[in-house]
C-alpha atoms as a PDB file:
ATOM      1  CA  MET A   1     -17.182 -14.991  29.736  1.00  0.00           C
ATOM      2  CA  MET A   2     -14.006 -17.326  29.669  1.00  0.00           C
ATOM      3  CA  ILE A   3     -12.721 -20.873  29.885  1.00  0.00           C
ATOM      4  CA  LYS A   4     -10.083 -22.144  32.220  1.00  0.00           C
ATOM      5  CA  VAL A   5      -7.105 -24.426  30.910  1.00  0.00           C
ATOM      6  CA  LYS A   6      -7.298 -27.687  33.415  1.00  0.00           C
ATOM      7  CA  GLN A   7      -4.551 -29.430  31.037  1.00  0.00           C
ATOM      8  CA  PRO A   8      -2.939 -27.456  28.162  1.00  0.00           C
ATOM      9  CA  GLY A   9      -1.765 -30.262  25.958  1.00  0.00           C
ATOM     10  CA  LEU A  10       1.210 -30.747  23.922  1.00  0.00           C
ATOM     11  CA  ALA A  11       1.058 -27.337  21.945  1.00  0.00           C
ATOM     12  CA  THR A  12      -2.194 -25.402  22.014  1.00  0.00           C
ATOM     13  CA  SER A  13      -1.858 -21.734  20.893  1.00  0.00           C
ATOM     14  CA  VAL A  14      -4.580 -18.999  19.917  1.00  0.00           C
ATOM     15  CA  GLN A  15      -4.360 -19.076  16.265  1.00  0.00           C
ATOM     16  CA  ASP A  16      -6.561 -16.920  13.617  1.00  0.00           C
ATOM     17  CA  GLY A  17      -6.574 -16.366   9.605  1.00  0.00           C
ATOM     18  CA  GLY A  18      -2.819 -14.939  10.199  1.00  0.00           C
ATOM     19  CA  ARG A  19      -0.798 -11.665  10.455  1.00  0.00           C
ATOM     20  CA  GLU A  20      -0.272 -10.725   6.732  1.00  0.00           C
ATOM     21  CA  GLY A  21       1.866  -7.695   5.626  1.00  0.00           C
ATOM     22  CA  TYR A  22       4.500  -8.153   8.120  1.00  0.00           C
ATOM     23  CA  TYR A  23       6.824 -10.982   6.804  1.00  0.00           C
ATOM     24  CA  HIS A  24       9.355  -7.975   5.200  1.00  0.00           C
ATOM     25  CA  LEU A  25      10.179  -6.989   8.516  1.00  0.00           C
ATOM     26  CA  GLY A  26      10.783 -10.552   9.961  1.00  0.00           C
ATOM     27  CA  ILE A  27       7.446 -11.104  11.369  1.00  0.00           C
ATOM     28  CA  PRO A  28       5.789 -14.043  10.056  1.00  0.00           C
ATOM     29  CA  PRO A  29       2.261 -14.806   9.281  1.00  0.00           C
ATOM     30  CA  SER A  30       1.735 -17.373  12.148  1.00  0.00           C
ATOM     31  CA  GLY A  31      -2.567 -18.542  12.029  1.00  0.00           C
ATOM     32  CA  ALA A  32      -3.621 -21.613  11.756  1.00  0.00           C
ATOM     33  CA  LEU A  33      -1.678 -24.635   9.874  1.00  0.00           C
ATOM     34  CA  ASP A  34      -4.591 -25.899   8.680  1.00  0.00           C
ATOM     35  CA  GLN A  35      -6.983 -23.089   7.228  1.00  0.00           C
ATOM     36  CA  TYR A  36      -9.358 -24.975   5.577  1.00  0.00           C
ATOM     37  CA  ALA A  37      -9.812 -26.699   9.187  1.00  0.00           C
ATOM     38  CA  LEU A  38      -9.979 -23.227  11.135  1.00  0.00           C
ATOM     39  CA  ARG A  39     -12.482 -21.685   8.731  1.00  0.00           C
ATOM     40  CA  SER A  40     -14.818 -25.141   8.943  1.00  0.00           C
ATOM     41  CA  ALA A  41     -15.187 -24.950  12.798  1.00  0.00           C
ATOM     42  CA  ASN A  42     -15.586 -21.055  12.713  1.00  0.00           C
ATOM     43  CA  LEU A  43     -18.407 -21.186  10.309  1.00  0.00           C
ATOM     44  CA  LEU A  44     -20.168 -24.042  12.217  1.00  0.00           C
ATOM     45  CA  VAL A  45     -20.415 -21.262  15.228  1.00  0.00           C
ATOM     46  CA  GLY A  46     -21.594 -18.689  13.253  1.00  0.00           C
ATOM     47  CA  ASN A  47     -18.175 -16.746  13.319  1.00  0.00           C
ATOM     48  CA  HIS A  48     -16.010 -14.827  10.483  1.00  0.00           C
ATOM     49  CA  PRO A  49     -13.840 -17.916   8.615  1.00  0.00           C
ATOM     50  CA  THR A  50     -10.637 -16.605  10.166  1.00  0.00           C
ATOM     51  CA  THR A  51     -12.055 -15.686  13.703  1.00  0.00           C
ATOM     52  CA  SER A  52      -9.544 -16.581  16.786  1.00  0.00           C
ATOM     53  CA  ALA A  53      -9.635 -20.362  17.933  1.00  0.00           C
ATOM     54  CA  LEU A  54      -7.630 -22.754  19.549  1.00  0.00           C
ATOM     55  CA  GLU A  55      -5.062 -24.909  17.354  1.00  0.00           C
ATOM     56  CA  CYS A  56      -4.493 -28.332  19.560  1.00  0.00           C
ATOM     57  CA  SER A  57      -1.774 -30.338  18.304  1.00  0.00           C
ATOM     58  CA  LEU A  58      -1.416 -34.283  18.838  1.00  0.00           C
ATOM     59  CA  LEU A  59      -2.536 -34.218  22.459  1.00  0.00           C
ATOM     60  CA  GLY A  60      -5.428 -32.034  23.264  1.00  0.00           C
ATOM     61  CA  PRO A  61      -6.111 -30.044  26.164  1.00  0.00           C
ATOM     62  CA  GLN A  62      -8.695 -29.913  28.951  1.00  0.00           C
ATOM     63  CA  LEU A  63     -10.703 -26.853  29.304  1.00  0.00           C
ATOM     64  CA  GLU A  64     -13.249 -25.727  31.923  1.00  0.00           C
ATOM     65  CA  PHE A  65     -16.020 -23.514  30.740  1.00  0.00           C
ATOM     66  CA  GLN A  66     -17.347 -21.150  33.430  1.00  0.00           C
ATOM     67  CA  SER A  67     -20.091 -19.941  30.744  1.00  0.00           C
ATOM     68  CA  ASP A  68     -22.553 -21.445  28.224  1.00  0.00           C
ATOM     69  CA  ALA A  69     -20.535 -21.429  24.951  1.00  0.00           C
ATOM     70  CA  LEU A  70     -21.564 -23.130  21.433  1.00  0.00           C
ATOM     71  CA  VAL A  71     -18.423 -24.638  20.280  1.00  0.00           C
ATOM     72  CA  ALA A  72     -17.073 -26.805  17.046  1.00  0.00           C
ATOM     73  CA  VAL A  73     -14.198 -29.486  16.494  1.00  0.00           C
ATOM     74  CA  THR A  74     -12.652 -29.652  13.005  1.00  0.00           C
ATOM     75  CA  GLY A  75      -9.680 -31.065  11.677  1.00  0.00           C
ATOM     76  CA  ALA A  76      -7.403 -33.647  13.293  1.00  0.00           C
ATOM     77  CA  ARG A  77      -9.779 -36.823  14.284  1.00  0.00           C
ATOM     78  CA  MET A  78      -9.315 -35.914  18.130  1.00  0.00           C
ATOM     79  CA  GLN A  79     -12.655 -37.126  19.588  1.00  0.00           C
ATOM     80  CA  PRO A  80     -14.409 -34.629  21.680  1.00  0.00           C
ATOM     81  CA  ARG A  81     -15.717 -35.395  24.998  1.00  0.00           C
ATOM     82  CA  VAL A  82     -17.771 -32.931  27.430  1.00  0.00           C
ATOM     83  CA  ASP A  83     -17.336 -34.466  30.909  1.00  0.00           C
ATOM     84  CA  GLY A  84     -16.816 -37.788  29.505  1.00  0.00           C
ATOM     85  CA  SER A  85     -19.248 -38.156  27.089  1.00  0.00           C
ATOM     86  CA  GLU A  86     -18.628 -38.012  23.377  1.00  0.00           C
ATOM     87  CA  ARG A  87     -19.536 -35.086  21.107  1.00  0.00           C
ATOM     88  CA  PRO A  88     -19.628 -35.321  17.207  1.00  0.00           C
ATOM     89  CA  LEU A  89     -16.616 -33.767  15.227  1.00  0.00           C
ATOM     90  CA  ASP A  90     -17.430 -31.129  12.246  1.00  0.00           C
ATOM     91  CA  THR A  91     -20.420 -29.939  14.224  1.00  0.00           C
ATOM     92  CA  ALA A  92     -21.655 -27.645  16.180  1.00  0.00           C
ATOM     93  CA  PHE A  93     -22.767 -28.277  20.006  1.00  0.00           C
ATOM     94  CA  MET A  94     -22.985 -26.869  23.262  1.00  0.00           C
ATOM     95  CA  VAL A  95     -20.658 -26.885  26.453  1.00  0.00           C
ATOM     96  CA  ARG A  96     -22.667 -25.689  29.682  1.00  0.00           C
ATOM     97  CA  SER A  97     -21.089 -23.733  32.293  1.00  0.00           C
ATOM     98  CA  GLY A  98     -18.794 -25.780  34.932  1.00  0.00           C
ATOM     99  CA  GLU A  99     -18.229 -28.582  31.974  1.00  0.00           C
ATOM    100  CA  VAL A 100     -15.037 -29.901  30.949  1.00  0.00           C
ATOM    101  CA  LEU A 101     -14.120 -30.342  27.177  1.00  0.00           C
ATOM    102  CA  SER A 102     -11.485 -32.779  26.781  1.00  0.00           C
ATOM    103  CA  PHE A 103     -10.026 -34.454  23.715  1.00  0.00           C
ATOM    104  CA  ASP A 104      -9.306 -38.009  22.665  1.00  0.00           C
ATOM    105  CA  TYR A 105      -5.709 -39.014  20.898  1.00  0.00           C
ATOM    106  CA  PRO A 106      -5.812 -38.332  17.309  1.00  0.00           C
ATOM    107  CA  LYS A 107      -7.028 -40.975  14.996  1.00  0.00           C
ATOM    108  CA  ALA A 108      -5.625 -39.375  12.560  1.00  0.00           C
ATOM    109  CA  GLY A 109      -4.230 -36.085  11.399  1.00  0.00           C
ATOM    110  CA  ALA A 110      -2.454 -33.878  13.850  1.00  0.00           C
ATOM    111  CA  ARG A 111      -3.988 -30.616  14.802  1.00  0.00           C
ATOM    112  CA  SER A 112      -7.613 -30.182  15.634  1.00  0.00           C
ATOM    113  CA  TYR A 113      -9.311 -26.685  15.635  1.00  0.00           C
ATOM    114  CA  LEU A 114     -11.409 -25.810  18.454  1.00  0.00           C
ATOM    115  CA  ALA A 115     -14.089 -22.631  17.601  1.00  0.00           C
ATOM    116  CA  ILE A 116     -16.018 -21.068  20.154  1.00  0.00           C
ATOM    117  CA  ALA A 117     -18.905 -18.920  18.969  1.00  0.00           C
ATOM    118  CA  GLY A 118     -17.539 -15.191  19.662  1.00  0.00           C
ATOM    119  CA  GLY A 119     -14.105 -16.103  19.527  1.00  0.00           C
ATOM    120  CA  ILE A 120     -11.244 -16.012  21.556  1.00  0.00           C
ATOM    121  CA  ASP A 121     -10.748 -12.447  22.765  1.00  0.00           C
ATOM    122  CA  VAL A 122      -7.097 -11.995  23.246  1.00  0.00           C
ATOM    123  CA  PRO A 123      -5.524  -8.598  22.378  1.00  0.00           C
ATOM    124  CA  VAL A 124      -4.994  -7.873  18.490  1.00  0.00           C
ATOM    125  CA  VAL A 125      -1.125  -7.489  17.912  1.00  0.00           C
ATOM    126  CA  LEU A 126      -0.718  -6.096  14.441  1.00  0.00           C
ATOM    127  CA  GLU A 127      -4.092  -6.882  12.665  1.00  0.00           C
ATOM    128  CA  SER A 128      -4.138 -10.535  14.476  1.00  0.00           C
ATOM    129  CA  ARG A 129      -4.609 -12.292  17.432  1.00  0.00           C
ATOM    130  CA  SER A 130      -2.380 -15.576  16.469  1.00  0.00           C
ATOM    131  CA  THR A 131       0.351 -16.518  18.623  1.00  0.00           C
ATOM    132  CA  TYR A 132       3.987 -16.438  17.017  1.00  0.00           C
ATOM    133  CA  ALA A 133       5.962 -18.197  20.043  1.00  0.00           C
ATOM    134  CA  LEU A 134       8.925 -17.774  18.721  1.00  0.00           C
ATOM    135  CA  GLY A 135       8.720 -13.959  19.054  1.00  0.00           C
ATOM    136  CA  ALA A 136       6.500 -14.029  22.014  1.00  0.00           C
ATOM    137  CA  LEU A 137       3.914 -12.137  20.027  1.00  0.00           C
ATOM    138  CA  GLY A 138       0.048 -11.802  19.783  1.00  0.00           C
ATOM    139  CA  GLY A 139      -2.371 -15.145  21.323  1.00  0.00           C
ATOM    140  CA  TRP A 140      -2.035 -15.766  25.011  1.00  0.00           C
ATOM    141  CA  GLN A 141       0.687 -13.728  26.317  1.00  0.00           C
ATOM    142  CA  GLY A 142       2.892 -14.864  22.970  1.00  0.00           C
ATOM    143  CA  ARG A 143       2.974 -18.816  24.148  1.00  0.00           C
ATOM    144  CA  LYS A 144       1.083 -21.839  24.012  1.00  0.00           C
ATOM    145  CA  LEU A 145      -1.387 -22.078  26.666  1.00  0.00           C
ATOM    146  CA  ALA A 146      -0.413 -23.540  30.364  1.00  0.00           C
ATOM    147  CA  LYS A 147      -2.220 -25.032  33.060  1.00  0.00           C
ATOM    148  CA  ASP A 148      -4.507 -22.501  34.817  1.00  0.00           C
ATOM    149  CA  ASP A 149      -4.318 -19.944  32.273  1.00  0.00           C
ATOM    150  CA  GLU A 150      -7.820 -18.245  31.752  1.00  0.00           C
ATOM    151  CA  LEU A 151      -8.709 -17.275  28.213  1.00  0.00           C
ATOM    152  CA  PRO A 152     -11.598 -14.582  27.938  1.00  0.00           C
ATOM    153  CA  LEU A 153     -14.310 -15.218  25.109  1.00  0.00           C
ATOM    154  CA  GLY A 154     -16.147 -12.902  22.914  1.00  0.00           C
ATOM    155  CA  ARG A 155     -19.550 -12.217  22.261  1.00  0.00           C
ATOM    156  CA  ALA A 156     -21.372 -14.231  19.792  1.00  0.00           C
ATOM    157  CA  ALA A 157     -22.528 -11.915  16.696  1.00  0.00           C
ATOM    158  CA  SER A 158     -24.837 -14.673  15.409  1.00  0.00           C
ATOM    159  CA  LYS A 159     -27.528 -17.434  17.060  1.00  0.00           C
ATOM    160  CA  ALA A 160     -25.747 -20.248  14.852  1.00  0.00           C
ATOM    161  CA  ALA A 161     -27.649 -23.645  15.760  1.00  0.00           C
ATOM    162  CA  GLU A 162     -26.632 -26.430  17.744  1.00  0.00           C
ATOM    163  CA  GLY A 163     -26.454 -29.272  15.583  1.00  0.00           C
ATOM    164  CA  ARG A 164     -25.215 -27.507  12.561  1.00  0.00           C
ATOM    165  CA  ALA A 165     -22.802 -29.952  10.704  1.00  0.00           C
ATOM    166  CA  LEU A 166     -20.131 -29.916   7.656  1.00  0.00           C
ATOM    167  CA  PRO A 167     -21.450 -32.124   4.837  1.00  0.00           C
ATOM    168  CA  LEU A 168     -19.577 -34.942   4.372  1.00  0.00           C
ATOM    169  CA  SER A 169     -18.388 -33.869   1.017  1.00  0.00           C
ATOM    170  CA  LEU A 170     -16.738 -31.350   2.466  1.00  0.00           C
ATOM    171  CA  VAL A 171     -14.737 -33.394   5.471  1.00  0.00           C
ATOM    172  CA  PRO A 172     -11.140 -33.930   4.562  1.00  0.00           C
ATOM    173  CA  VAL A 173      -9.803 -37.197   4.723  1.00  0.00           C
ATOM    174  CA  PHE A 174      -6.302 -37.642   6.321  1.00  0.00           C
ATOM    175  CA  ASP A 175      -3.899 -40.197   5.294  1.00  0.00           C
ATOM    176  CA  ARG A 176      -0.600 -41.541   6.803  1.00  0.00           C
ATOM    177  CA  GLU A 177       0.782 -40.640   3.406  1.00  0.00           C
ATOM    178  CA  ALA A 178       0.744 -37.296   1.542  1.00  0.00           C
ATOM    179  CA  THR A 179       1.439 -35.827  -2.038  1.00  0.00           C
ATOM    180  CA  LEU A 180       3.192 -32.392  -1.739  1.00  0.00           C
ATOM    181  CA  ARG A 181       3.323 -30.577  -4.765  1.00  0.00           C
ATOM    182  CA  VAL A 182       6.249 -28.332  -5.181  1.00  0.00           C
ATOM    183  CA  VAL A 183       7.206 -25.447  -7.804  1.00  0.00           C
ATOM    184  CA  PRO A 184      11.276 -25.633  -8.185  1.00  0.00           C
ATOM    185  CA  GLY A 185      13.048 -22.937  -6.617  1.00  0.00           C
ATOM    186  CA  LEU A 186      15.648 -20.351  -6.853  1.00  0.00           C
ATOM    187  CA  TYR A 187      18.422 -22.438  -6.145  1.00  0.00           C
ATOM    188  CA  ILE A 188      17.539 -25.887  -7.276  1.00  0.00           C
ATOM    189  CA  HIS A 189      20.268 -25.359  -9.857  1.00  0.00           C
ATOM    190  CA  ARG A 190      23.182 -25.885  -7.183  1.00  0.00           C
ATOM    191  CA  LEU A 191      21.853 -29.317  -6.954  1.00  0.00           C
ATOM    192  CA  THR A 192      23.291 -32.174  -9.257  1.00  0.00           C
ATOM    193  CA  GLU A 193      20.709 -33.500 -11.855  1.00  0.00           C
ATOM    194  CA  ASP A 194      20.729 -36.653  -9.838  1.00  0.00           C
ATOM    195  CA  ALA A 195      20.301 -35.253  -6.729  1.00  0.00           C
ATOM    196  CA  VAL A 196      17.177 -33.619  -8.237  1.00  0.00           C
ATOM    197  CA  GLU A 197      15.732 -36.650  -9.561  1.00  0.00           C
ATOM    198  CA  ARG A 198      16.182 -38.382  -6.255  1.00  0.00           C
ATOM    199  CA  PHE A 199      14.705 -35.636  -4.281  1.00  0.00           C
ATOM    200  CA  PHE A 200      11.555 -36.256  -6.016  1.00  0.00           C
ATOM    201  CA  ALA A 201      11.852 -39.780  -6.330  1.00  0.00           C
ATOM    202  CA  ASP A 202      12.391 -41.156  -2.685  1.00  0.00           C
ATOM    203  CA  THR A 203       9.275 -41.374  -0.176  1.00  0.00           C
ATOM    204  CA  TRP A 204      10.429 -39.067   3.099  1.00  0.00           C
ATOM    205  CA  THR A 205       9.127 -39.377   6.542  1.00  0.00           C
ATOM    206  CA  VAL A 206       8.148 -36.986   8.681  1.00  0.00           C
ATOM    207  CA  GLY A 207      10.801 -36.284  11.420  1.00  0.00           C
ATOM    208  CA  SER A 208       9.935 -35.993  15.261  1.00  0.00           C
ATOM    209  CA  GLU A 209      11.309 -32.014  15.220  1.00  0.00           C
ATOM    210  CA  ALA A 210       8.336 -31.205  13.122  1.00  0.00           C
ATOM    211  CA  ASP A 211       6.282 -27.890  14.587  1.00  0.00           C
ATOM    212  CA  ARG A 212       4.767 -24.739  13.238  1.00  0.00           C
ATOM    213  CA  ILE A 213       8.379 -23.234  12.641  1.00  0.00           C
ATOM    214  CA  GLY A 214       8.764 -26.218  10.071  1.00  0.00           C
ATOM    215  CA  TYR A 215       8.949 -29.808   9.130  1.00  0.00           C
ATOM    216  CA  ARG A 216      12.082 -31.647   8.983  1.00  0.00           C
ATOM    217  CA  PHE A 217      11.825 -34.935   6.409  1.00  0.00           C
ATOM    218  CA  LYS A 218      14.054 -37.924   6.517  1.00  0.00           C
ATOM    219  CA  GLY A 219      14.783 -41.202   5.595  1.00  0.00           C
ATOM    220  CA  GLY A 220      15.774 -40.336   1.767  1.00  0.00           C
ATOM    221  CA  GLN A 221      18.952 -40.154   0.172  1.00  0.00           C
ATOM    222  CA  ALA A 222      21.536 -37.579   0.599  1.00  0.00           C
ATOM    223  CA  MET A 223      21.978 -35.110  -2.000  1.00  0.00           C
ATOM    224  CA  GLN A 224      25.123 -33.466  -3.517  1.00  0.00           C
ATOM    225  CA  PHE A 225      25.134 -29.896  -4.655  1.00  0.00           C
ATOM    226  CA  LYS A 226      27.731 -28.685  -7.625  1.00  0.00           C
ATOM    227  CA  PRO A 227      31.104 -28.030  -6.911  1.00  0.00           C
ATOM    228  CA  ARG A 228      31.669 -24.291  -6.638  1.00  0.00           C
ATOM    229  CA  GLU A 229      33.738 -21.768  -4.845  1.00  0.00           C
ATOM    230  CA  GLN A 230      31.981 -20.643  -2.123  1.00  0.00           C
ATOM    231  CA  PRO A 231      31.390 -16.766  -2.143  1.00  0.00           C
ATOM    232  CA  PHE A 232      32.812 -14.668   0.873  1.00  0.00           C
ATOM    233  CA  GLY A 233      30.233 -15.219   3.615  1.00  0.00           C
ATOM    234  CA  ALA A 234      28.540 -18.354   2.749  1.00  0.00           C
ATOM    235  CA  GLY A 235      30.719 -20.779   4.898  1.00  0.00           C
ATOM    236  CA  SER A 236      32.189 -24.047   3.394  1.00  0.00           C
ATOM    237  CA  ASP A 237      28.771 -26.069   3.343  1.00  0.00           C
ATOM    238  CA  PRO A 238      27.930 -26.322  -0.157  1.00  0.00           C
ATOM    239  CA  SER A 239      23.988 -25.896   0.976  1.00  0.00           C
ATOM    240  CA  ASN A 240      25.298 -22.248   2.215  1.00  0.00           C
ATOM    241  CA  ILE A 241      24.240 -19.325   0.406  1.00  0.00           C
ATOM    242  CA  VAL A 242      25.065 -15.509   1.667  1.00  0.00           C
ATOM    243  CA  ASP A 243      21.535 -14.735   2.206  1.00  0.00           C
ATOM    244  CA  ALA A 244      18.244 -15.380   0.725  1.00  0.00           C
ATOM    245  CA  CYS A 245      14.370 -14.613   1.726  1.00  0.00           C
ATOM    246  CA  TYR A 246      12.284 -17.854   2.523  1.00  0.00           C
ATOM    247  CA  PRO A 247       8.598 -18.061   1.025  1.00  0.00           C
ATOM    248  CA  ILE A 248       6.394 -19.952   3.480  1.00  0.00           C
ATOM    249  CA  GLY A 249       6.327 -23.442   2.350  1.00  0.00           C
ATOM    250  CA  SER A 250       9.949 -23.442   1.099  1.00  0.00           C
ATOM    251  CA  ILE A 251      12.517 -26.392   1.012  1.00  0.00           C
ATOM    252  CA  GLN A 252      15.990 -26.107   2.416  1.00  0.00           C
ATOM    253  CA  ILE A 253      18.472 -28.985   2.716  1.00  0.00           C
ATOM    254  CA  PRO A 254      21.031 -28.316   5.147  1.00  0.00           C
ATOM    255  CA  GLY A 255      24.171 -30.697   4.052  1.00  0.00           C
ATOM    256  CA  GLY A 256      21.890 -32.166   1.511  1.00  0.00           C
ATOM    257  CA  LEU A 257      20.528 -34.298   4.277  1.00  0.00           C
ATOM    258  CA  GLU A 258      16.968 -33.961   5.086  1.00  0.00           C
ATOM    259  CA  PRO A 259      14.591 -31.185   3.784  1.00  0.00           C
ATOM    260  CA  ILE A 260      13.030 -28.752   6.073  1.00  0.00           C
ATOM    261  CA  VAL A 261       9.565 -27.417   4.973  1.00  0.00           C
ATOM    262  CA  LEU A 262       9.483 -23.796   6.211  1.00  0.00           C
ATOM    263  CA  LEU A 263       5.681 -23.173   7.485  1.00  0.00           C
ATOM    264  CA  ARG A 264       4.071 -20.356   9.181  1.00  0.00           C
ATOM    265  CA  ASP A 265       5.913 -19.346  11.754  1.00  0.00           C
ATOM    266  CA  ALA A 266       9.417 -19.898   9.940  1.00  0.00           C
ATOM    267  CA  VAL A 267      11.963 -17.050   9.904  1.00  0.00           C
ATOM    268  CA  SER A 268      11.721 -14.756   6.559  1.00  0.00           C
ATOM    269  CA  GLY A 269      15.270 -15.309   5.581  1.00  0.00           C
ATOM    270  CA  GLY A 270      18.457 -16.989   6.037  1.00  0.00           C
ATOM    271  CA  GLY A 271      21.864 -18.858   4.902  1.00  0.00           C
ATOM    272  CA  TYR A 272      20.480 -21.870   3.552  1.00  0.00           C
ATOM    273  CA  ALA A 273      19.326 -22.466  -0.533  1.00  0.00           C
ATOM    274  CA  THR A 274      15.981 -23.090  -0.897  1.00  0.00           C
ATOM    275  CA  ILE A 275      15.238 -25.483  -3.682  1.00  0.00           C
ATOM    276  CA  GLY A 276      11.699 -25.488  -4.250  1.00  0.00           C
ATOM    277  CA  THR A 277       8.229 -23.987  -2.300  1.00  0.00           C
ATOM    278  CA  VAL A 278       5.325 -26.313  -1.727  1.00  0.00           C
ATOM    279  CA  ILE A 279       2.660 -24.956  -2.986  1.00  0.00           C
ATOM    280  CA  SER A 280      -0.057 -23.113  -1.258  1.00  0.00           C
ATOM    281  CA  ALA A 281      -3.028 -25.513  -1.876  1.00  0.00           C
ATOM    282  CA  ASP A 282      -0.905 -28.157   0.086  1.00  0.00           C
ATOM    283  CA  LEU A 283       0.046 -26.683   3.007  1.00  0.00           C
ATOM    284  CA  ASP A 284      -2.714 -27.756   4.925  1.00  0.00           C
ATOM    285  CA  LEU A 285      -1.841 -30.961   4.324  1.00  0.00           C
ATOM    286  CA  ILE A 286       1.516 -30.495   6.027  1.00  0.00           C
ATOM    287  CA  GLY A 287       0.014 -29.461   9.141  1.00  0.00           C
ATOM    288  CA  GLN A 288      -1.986 -32.646   9.276  1.00  0.00           C
ATOM    289  CA  LEU A 289       1.057 -34.724   9.402  1.00  0.00           C
ATOM    290  CA  GLN A 290       2.178 -36.544  12.142  1.00  0.00           C
ATOM    291  CA  PRO A 291       5.822 -37.712  13.029  1.00  0.00           C
ATOM    292  CA  ASN A 292       6.438 -40.748  11.206  1.00  0.00           C
ATOM    293  CA  HIS A 293       4.187 -40.235   8.360  1.00  0.00           C
ATOM    294  CA  LYS A 294       4.940 -40.377   5.101  1.00  0.00           C
ATOM    295  CA  ALA A 295       5.272 -37.807   2.005  1.00  0.00           C
ATOM    296  CA  GLN A 296       6.446 -37.380  -1.719  1.00  0.00           C
ATOM    297  CA  PHE A 297       7.119 -34.356  -3.415  1.00  0.00           C
ATOM    298  CA  VAL A 298       6.030 -34.039  -6.923  1.00  0.00           C
ATOM    299  CA  ARG A 299       7.096 -31.409  -9.094  1.00  0.00           C
ATOM    300  CA  VAL A 300       4.786 -29.063 -10.771  1.00  0.00           C
ATOM    301  CA  THR A 301       4.606 -26.222 -12.741  1.00  0.00           C
ATOM    302  CA  LEU A 302       3.626 -22.641 -11.696  1.00  0.00           C
ATOM    303  CA  GLU A 303       0.601 -22.591 -13.569  1.00  0.00           C
ATOM    304  CA  GLN A 304      -0.050 -25.664 -12.086  1.00  0.00           C
ATOM    305  CA  ALA A 305       0.021 -24.156  -8.741  1.00  0.00           C
ATOM    306  CA  LEU A 306      -2.072 -21.440  -9.410  1.00  0.00           C
ATOM    307  CA  GLU A 307      -4.804 -23.809 -11.039  1.00  0.00           C
ATOM    308  CA  ALA A 308      -4.668 -25.687  -7.769  1.00  0.00           C
ATOM    309  CA  ARG A 309      -4.618 -22.568  -5.833  1.00  0.00           C
ATOM    310  CA  ARG A 310      -7.943 -21.568  -7.500  1.00  0.00           C
ATOM    311  CA  GLN A 311      -9.704 -24.891  -6.729  1.00  0.00           C
ATOM    312  CA  TYR A 312      -8.640 -24.259  -3.198  1.00  0.00           C
ATOM    313  CA  GLN A 313     -10.122 -21.043  -3.034  1.00  0.00           C
ATOM    314  CA  GLN A 314     -13.300 -22.255  -4.824  1.00  0.00           C
ATOM    315  CA  ARG A 315     -13.735 -24.994  -1.918  1.00  0.00           C
ATOM    316  CA  PHE A 316     -13.671 -22.225   0.552  1.00  0.00           C
ATOM    317  CA  GLN A 317     -16.344 -20.433  -1.272  1.00  0.00           C
ATOM    318  CA  ARG A 318     -18.299 -23.362  -1.392  1.00  0.00           C
ATOM    319  CA  LEU A 319     -17.730 -24.108   2.488  1.00  0.00           C
ATOM    320  CA  SER A 320     -19.218 -20.676   2.773  1.00  0.00           C
ATOM    321  CA  SER A 321     -22.133 -20.576   0.653  1.00  0.00           C
ATOM    322  CA  LEU A 322     -23.418 -24.311   2.237  1.00  0.00           C
ATOM    323  CA  LEU A 323     -22.784 -23.073   5.567  1.00  0.00           C
ATOM    324  CA  GLY A 324     -24.423 -19.672   4.997  1.00  0.00           C
ATOM    325  CA  SER A 325     -21.924 -17.089   5.692  1.00  0.00           C
END
C-alpha cells in the first residue's frame, strides 16, 4: 500500500498536527501551516484529525497510487484530477490502483492538504511524522518529496464513505488580502511611537521568500528604533538584541525594513527584537497567502486573543461533531 511520486510539485511534504513539546530544545513544532485544512481533510476520510497528510504548496504533485485509497483535498483551491478528470474539493473520493492524482494551479489560497485514509506511514520521530526540513527530521527522509519517492500508506481505521463532504458553512474563503491580529510584544517599546503607528497603518505585501520558516512582508515604510547604546554582544543594528526566544507567530523587523512573521519551522530564538506575535487563531491565514498578496496587522489585547482562540477551537469542535469524529 503506497503511492509513487511522479512529480513532486514545488514543496510537498508530510505534515501532521505537529511536534509539540520540544521547542525548548530548539526543535520547532512543524506540522501543517493550515491546521484547519489538515483536520478537515482527515475527518473526511475517517482519520484522526491530526493524522499525517501531504501539504502541497502552490504547485501540486503528481502521485501514482499503487492500491485503492479514499482521499480528500482541502485548503487552497487546487482542483484535484484523477487521470485528468476533475474530482471535487472538500469531498472524499476514491483513487484506484494505477491511477494518477494531480492538481491544477491554485485559484485561491497557497496550500492544499491531501489526506489518505490510514495516513502516510512514515516513521514517528519525537512523537510526530511531520517534516522539519531545516533539521532533516521526520517526514519522508527529513525532506520535501522528490521524483520517484514511494510513500507507504497506513491501514484505514474506519470505513468512511466516498462522497462525504465538508458543509459549505465550514469551507473557508481565501482572499488576496488578510487582516492579521497581533498582540504587541516584548520589544515593541524599542520602536519609536511613529514607527509603531506606521507598522499598524501600512498595508504590507507578501514577499517571494515566504515559506514554512517565515513570511517576509514588503512595501511598508521603514521603521525607526529609539536610539540607545547597544549592549555588549548585540551588534550595531538597532533592531538587534543580545538574545531572546521566538514564539511561533512572532514578528521581527531586521533593520526596521521588512517584517518577518516566524512560522512552524522557525528557529526558537535569536538576536532580533520581536515587536509582537500574530495570534494563534490567525496563523492558518498566513499559510494560505501567496506571494504578492496583501496583509494588514491589527493590534489586539491578550484578552481578545484568548477569545479568538476560544472561537477557533469551537470551530474545530463543530467540524468534528458534523463529520462524526
